[in-house]
Amino acid sequence: MNILKLDNGYDLAIENIDKKARLVIYNNGVENVCRKSTLKNIATFIQSSENHLFKGRLQLHKANGGVNILVKGSKVGEIPVSGFLSYLQQFEAPPKTSPVGRT
C-alpha cells in the first residue's frame, strides 16, 4: 500500500478492493476516517470542473491546481492534481488479455 504524506502527521492511503477504492486518512499511524468510492469517480472529479467530492467527514476540494483533503472540515493536506492522478494510476487494473488459443 502506497501512502502519501499530508500535514501534521496525517497520511492518505488508497486500498483497492475489487472495483472500489477505499480512501483512508491516518493520523499518526491510526486510521482516522475513510470513504469508499470508485477509482473512476475520483479520477473523473480530478479532471472535471467540479470543485468538491464527497460530503461528510472526509471531503476532497480542488483549489489552485491542487486537491485539498479535509477531515471533519479541517484541511489536513494538499496534493497537486497531477500528483494525485499519477497516484491513482497505480491502482488501475491491468488491461485484460485474450486467452491463448487451445491446441
N, C-alpha and C. Protein backbone atom coordinates (compact mmCIF):
# COMPACT_ATOMS: atom_id res chain seq x y z
N MET A 1 0.85 -1.18 0.00
CA MET A 1 0.00 0.00 0.00
C MET A 1 0.89 1.23 0.00
N ASN A 2 0.70 2.09 -0.98
CA ASN A 2 1.43 3.34 -1.06
C ASN A 2 0.73 4.40 -0.22
N ILE A 3 1.53 5.14 0.51
CA ILE A 3 0.98 6.16 1.41
C ILE A 3 1.54 7.52 1.02
N LEU A 4 0.65 8.51 0.93
CA LEU A 4 1.06 9.89 0.67
C LEU A 4 1.08 10.65 1.99
N LYS A 5 2.18 11.31 2.26
CA LYS A 5 2.30 12.12 3.47
C LYS A 5 1.52 13.41 3.29
N LEU A 6 0.74 13.77 4.29
CA LEU A 6 0.00 15.03 4.30
C LEU A 6 0.60 15.91 5.39
N ASP A 7 -0.17 16.80 5.97
CA ASP A 7 0.33 17.71 7.00
C ASP A 7 0.13 17.14 8.41
N ASN A 8 0.96 17.58 9.34
CA ASN A 8 0.77 17.34 10.78
C ASN A 8 0.50 15.88 11.15
N GLY A 9 1.26 14.97 10.59
CA GLY A 9 1.13 13.56 10.95
C GLY A 9 0.01 12.82 10.24
N TYR A 10 -0.65 13.45 9.29
CA TYR A 10 -1.71 12.78 8.53
C TYR A 10 -1.11 12.13 7.28
N ASP A 11 -1.69 10.99 6.90
CA ASP A 11 -1.30 10.27 5.70
C ASP A 11 -2.55 9.87 4.94
N LEU A 12 -2.42 9.74 3.62
CA LEU A 12 -3.51 9.28 2.77
C LEU A 12 -3.08 7.97 2.13
N ALA A 13 -3.96 6.98 2.18
CA ALA A 13 -3.71 5.70 1.52
C ALA A 13 -4.97 5.31 0.76
N ILE A 14 -4.78 4.61 -0.35
CA ILE A 14 -5.91 4.08 -1.10
C ILE A 14 -5.77 2.58 -1.13
N GLU A 15 -6.82 1.90 -0.69
CA GLU A 15 -6.87 0.45 -0.74
C GLU A 15 -7.79 0.07 -1.88
N ASN A 16 -7.31 -0.76 -2.78
CA ASN A 16 -8.10 -1.18 -3.92
C ASN A 16 -8.83 -2.47 -3.55
N ILE A 17 -10.15 -2.40 -3.48
CA ILE A 17 -10.98 -3.55 -3.11
C ILE A 17 -11.92 -3.82 -4.27
N ASP A 18 -11.64 -4.89 -5.04
CA ASP A 18 -12.41 -5.23 -6.24
C ASP A 18 -12.47 -4.00 -7.15
N LYS A 19 -13.67 -3.52 -7.44
CA LYS A 19 -13.83 -2.35 -8.31
C LYS A 19 -13.98 -1.07 -7.50
N LYS A 20 -13.84 -1.16 -6.20
CA LYS A 20 -13.97 0.00 -5.33
C LYS A 20 -12.60 0.41 -4.80
N ALA A 21 -12.52 1.65 -4.42
CA ALA A 21 -11.32 2.17 -3.77
C ALA A 21 -11.73 2.68 -2.39
N ARG A 22 -10.90 2.41 -1.43
CA ARG A 22 -11.16 2.88 -0.07
C ARG A 22 -10.08 3.91 0.26
N LEU A 23 -10.48 5.18 0.36
CA LEU A 23 -9.56 6.24 0.73
C LEU A 23 -9.49 6.28 2.24
N VAL A 24 -8.30 6.19 2.78
CA VAL A 24 -8.12 6.14 4.23
C VAL A 24 -7.18 7.26 4.65
N ILE A 25 -7.59 8.01 5.67
CA ILE A 25 -6.73 9.03 6.26
C ILE A 25 -6.27 8.50 7.62
N TYR A 26 -4.95 8.46 7.78
CA TYR A 26 -4.36 8.04 9.04
C TYR A 26 -3.83 9.27 9.76
N ASN A 27 -3.97 9.27 11.07
CA ASN A 27 -3.42 10.32 11.92
C ASN A 27 -2.41 9.67 12.84
N ASN A 28 -1.12 9.94 12.61
CA ASN A 28 -0.03 9.33 13.37
C ASN A 28 -0.13 7.81 13.37
N GLY A 29 -0.45 7.24 12.19
CA GLY A 29 -0.49 5.79 12.04
C GLY A 29 -1.79 5.12 12.41
N VAL A 30 -2.75 5.88 12.95
CA VAL A 30 -4.04 5.32 13.36
C VAL A 30 -5.10 5.76 12.37
N GLU A 31 -5.90 4.79 11.89
CA GLU A 31 -6.95 5.13 10.93
C GLU A 31 -7.91 6.13 11.55
N ASN A 32 -8.09 7.26 10.86
CA ASN A 32 -8.91 8.34 11.38
C ASN A 32 -10.28 8.40 10.71
N VAL A 33 -10.29 8.27 9.36
CA VAL A 33 -11.53 8.35 8.61
C VAL A 33 -11.31 7.67 7.26
N CYS A 34 -12.40 7.14 6.67
CA CYS A 34 -12.27 6.54 5.36
C CYS A 34 -13.52 6.81 4.53
N ARG A 35 -13.38 6.57 3.24
CA ARG A 35 -14.51 6.76 2.32
C ARG A 35 -14.33 5.80 1.15
N LYS A 36 -15.40 5.12 0.77
CA LYS A 36 -15.35 4.20 -0.37
C LYS A 36 -15.92 4.89 -1.59
N SER A 37 -15.26 4.65 -2.72
CA SER A 37 -15.69 5.20 -4.00
C SER A 37 -15.08 4.33 -5.08
N THR A 38 -15.26 4.72 -6.33
CA THR A 38 -14.58 4.02 -7.42
C THR A 38 -13.41 4.88 -7.87
N LEU A 39 -12.38 4.24 -8.39
CA LEU A 39 -11.24 4.99 -8.91
C LEU A 39 -11.69 5.89 -10.05
N LYS A 40 -12.63 5.40 -10.85
CA LYS A 40 -13.13 6.18 -11.98
C LYS A 40 -13.81 7.46 -11.48
N ASN A 41 -14.60 7.35 -10.42
CA ASN A 41 -15.29 8.51 -9.85
C ASN A 41 -14.29 9.55 -9.35
N ILE A 42 -13.24 9.11 -8.71
CA ILE A 42 -12.23 10.03 -8.18
C ILE A 42 -11.47 10.69 -9.33
N ALA A 43 -11.06 9.89 -10.33
CA ALA A 43 -10.33 10.45 -11.48
C ALA A 43 -11.20 11.43 -12.26
N THR A 44 -12.49 11.10 -12.41
CA THR A 44 -13.41 12.00 -13.12
C THR A 44 -13.51 13.33 -12.39
N PHE A 45 -13.61 13.28 -11.07
CA PHE A 45 -13.66 14.51 -10.26
C PHE A 45 -12.41 15.36 -10.49
N ILE A 46 -11.25 14.73 -10.45
CA ILE A 46 -10.00 15.48 -10.58
C ILE A 46 -9.91 16.16 -11.94
N GLN A 47 -10.40 15.50 -12.99
CA GLN A 47 -10.29 16.04 -14.34
C GLN A 47 -11.46 16.94 -14.72
N SER A 48 -12.50 17.01 -13.90
CA SER A 48 -13.69 17.80 -14.22
C SER A 48 -13.58 19.21 -13.67
N SER A 49 -14.64 19.97 -13.90
CA SER A 49 -14.69 21.33 -13.36
C SER A 49 -15.35 21.36 -11.98
N GLU A 50 -15.75 20.21 -11.47
CA GLU A 50 -16.33 20.14 -10.13
C GLU A 50 -15.28 20.55 -9.10
N ASN A 51 -15.73 21.21 -8.03
CA ASN A 51 -14.80 21.69 -7.02
C ASN A 51 -14.75 20.84 -5.76
N HIS A 52 -15.71 19.95 -5.57
CA HIS A 52 -15.66 19.12 -4.36
C HIS A 52 -16.24 17.73 -4.64
N LEU A 53 -15.75 16.78 -3.86
CA LEU A 53 -16.20 15.40 -3.94
C LEU A 53 -16.41 14.91 -2.52
N PHE A 54 -17.51 14.28 -2.30
CA PHE A 54 -17.91 13.69 -1.02
C PHE A 54 -18.47 14.74 -0.06
N LYS A 55 -19.35 14.27 0.76
CA LYS A 55 -19.87 15.04 1.89
C LYS A 55 -19.57 14.23 3.13
N GLY A 56 -19.58 14.85 4.26
CA GLY A 56 -19.33 14.13 5.50
C GLY A 56 -17.94 14.40 6.05
N ARG A 57 -17.41 13.42 6.77
CA ARG A 57 -16.15 13.60 7.49
C ARG A 57 -14.94 13.73 6.59
N LEU A 58 -14.93 13.02 5.46
CA LEU A 58 -13.81 13.10 4.52
C LEU A 58 -14.29 13.75 3.23
N GLN A 59 -13.63 14.84 2.85
CA GLN A 59 -14.01 15.57 1.65
C GLN A 59 -12.76 15.91 0.84
N LEU A 60 -12.94 15.98 -0.48
CA LEU A 60 -11.88 16.42 -1.38
C LEU A 60 -12.36 17.70 -2.05
N HIS A 61 -11.52 18.74 -2.03
CA HIS A 61 -11.84 20.03 -2.65
C HIS A 61 -10.69 20.42 -3.56
N LYS A 62 -11.02 20.89 -4.76
CA LYS A 62 -9.99 21.37 -5.68
C LYS A 62 -9.84 22.88 -5.54
N ALA A 63 -8.59 23.33 -5.53
CA ALA A 63 -8.30 24.77 -5.49
C ALA A 63 -6.87 25.00 -5.92
N ASN A 64 -6.66 25.99 -6.77
CA ASN A 64 -5.32 26.42 -7.17
C ASN A 64 -4.43 25.28 -7.67
N GLY A 65 -4.98 24.39 -8.49
CA GLY A 65 -4.18 23.32 -9.07
C GLY A 65 -3.88 22.17 -8.13
N GLY A 66 -4.55 22.13 -6.99
CA GLY A 66 -4.32 21.05 -6.04
C GLY A 66 -5.63 20.48 -5.52
N VAL A 67 -5.54 19.34 -4.89
CA VAL A 67 -6.69 18.71 -4.24
C VAL A 67 -6.46 18.81 -2.74
N ASN A 68 -7.34 19.55 -2.07
CA ASN A 68 -7.28 19.68 -0.62
C ASN A 68 -8.02 18.52 0.01
N ILE A 69 -7.43 17.91 1.04
CA ILE A 69 -8.07 16.83 1.78
C ILE A 69 -8.55 17.42 3.09
N LEU A 70 -9.86 17.31 3.32
CA LEU A 70 -10.45 17.83 4.55
C LEU A 70 -11.00 16.68 5.39
N VAL A 71 -10.70 16.72 6.68
CA VAL A 71 -11.24 15.77 7.64
C VAL A 71 -12.02 16.57 8.67
N LYS A 72 -13.29 16.27 8.77
CA LYS A 72 -14.18 16.97 9.71
C LYS A 72 -14.09 18.48 9.52
N GLY A 73 -13.98 18.91 8.25
CA GLY A 73 -13.98 20.33 7.93
C GLY A 73 -12.63 21.02 8.03
N SER A 74 -11.60 20.32 8.48
CA SER A 74 -10.27 20.92 8.61
C SER A 74 -9.33 20.35 7.55
N LYS A 75 -8.58 21.24 6.91
CA LYS A 75 -7.63 20.81 5.89
C LYS A 75 -6.46 20.08 6.53
N VAL A 76 -6.20 18.85 6.06
CA VAL A 76 -5.10 18.06 6.60
C VAL A 76 -3.99 17.86 5.57
N GLY A 77 -4.21 18.36 4.35
CA GLY A 77 -3.17 18.25 3.34
C GLY A 77 -3.64 18.67 1.98
N GLU A 78 -2.68 18.84 1.07
CA GLU A 78 -2.98 19.21 -0.31
C GLU A 78 -2.04 18.43 -1.21
N ILE A 79 -2.59 17.91 -2.30
CA ILE A 79 -1.82 17.14 -3.27
C ILE A 79 -2.02 17.80 -4.63
N PRO A 80 -0.94 18.05 -5.38
CA PRO A 80 -1.11 18.60 -6.73
C PRO A 80 -1.97 17.67 -7.59
N VAL A 81 -2.80 18.25 -8.46
CA VAL A 81 -3.70 17.45 -9.29
C VAL A 81 -2.92 16.40 -10.07
N SER A 82 -1.81 16.79 -10.68
CA SER A 82 -1.03 15.84 -11.48
C SER A 82 -0.48 14.71 -10.61
N GLY A 83 -0.06 15.03 -9.40
CA GLY A 83 0.44 14.01 -8.48
C GLY A 83 -0.65 13.05 -8.04
N PHE A 84 -1.84 13.57 -7.83
CA PHE A 84 -2.97 12.73 -7.42
C PHE A 84 -3.35 11.78 -8.56
N LEU A 85 -3.37 12.29 -9.79
CA LEU A 85 -3.69 11.43 -10.94
C LEU A 85 -2.65 10.32 -11.10
N SER A 86 -1.38 10.66 -10.92
CA SER A 86 -0.32 9.65 -11.00
C SER A 86 -0.49 8.60 -9.92
N TYR A 87 -0.84 9.04 -8.73
CA TYR A 87 -1.07 8.13 -7.61
C TYR A 87 -2.22 7.18 -7.92
N LEU A 88 -3.31 7.69 -8.48
CA LEU A 88 -4.47 6.86 -8.82
C LEU A 88 -4.15 5.84 -9.90
N GLN A 89 -3.29 6.19 -10.84
CA GLN A 89 -2.96 5.29 -11.93
C GLN A 89 -2.27 4.02 -11.45
N GLN A 90 -1.67 4.06 -10.29
CA GLN A 90 -1.03 2.88 -9.71
C GLN A 90 -2.06 1.78 -9.41
N PHE A 91 -3.30 2.18 -9.22
CA PHE A 91 -4.33 1.25 -8.78
C PHE A 91 -5.21 0.74 -9.91
N GLU A 92 -5.00 1.26 -11.12
CA GLU A 92 -5.81 0.80 -12.24
C GLU A 92 -5.49 -0.65 -12.55
N ALA A 93 -6.54 -1.40 -12.89
CA ALA A 93 -6.36 -2.81 -13.22
C ALA A 93 -5.59 -2.92 -14.53
N PRO A 94 -4.72 -3.91 -14.63
CA PRO A 94 -4.00 -4.09 -15.90
C PRO A 94 -4.99 -4.49 -16.99
N PRO A 95 -4.68 -4.16 -18.24
CA PRO A 95 -5.61 -4.49 -19.31
C PRO A 95 -5.80 -6.01 -19.42
N LYS A 96 -7.03 -6.39 -19.72
CA LYS A 96 -7.32 -7.81 -19.87
C LYS A 96 -6.72 -8.31 -21.17
N THR A 97 -6.13 -9.49 -21.09
CA THR A 97 -5.57 -10.09 -22.28
C THR A 97 -6.48 -11.21 -22.76
N SER A 98 -6.47 -11.43 -24.04
CA SER A 98 -7.32 -12.50 -24.57
C SER A 98 -6.66 -13.84 -24.27
N PRO A 99 -7.48 -14.85 -24.03
CA PRO A 99 -6.91 -16.17 -23.71
C PRO A 99 -6.18 -16.74 -24.92
N VAL A 100 -5.16 -17.48 -24.62
CA VAL A 100 -4.37 -18.10 -25.68
C VAL A 100 -5.20 -19.23 -26.29
N GLY A 101 -5.15 -19.35 -27.60
CA GLY A 101 -5.94 -20.38 -28.28
C GLY A 101 -5.56 -21.78 -27.83
N ARG A 102 -6.53 -22.66 -27.81
CA ARG A 102 -6.29 -24.04 -27.39
C ARG A 102 -5.78 -24.85 -28.57
N THR A 103 -4.91 -25.81 -28.27
CA THR A 103 -4.40 -26.69 -29.31
C THR A 103 -4.73 -28.11 -29.03
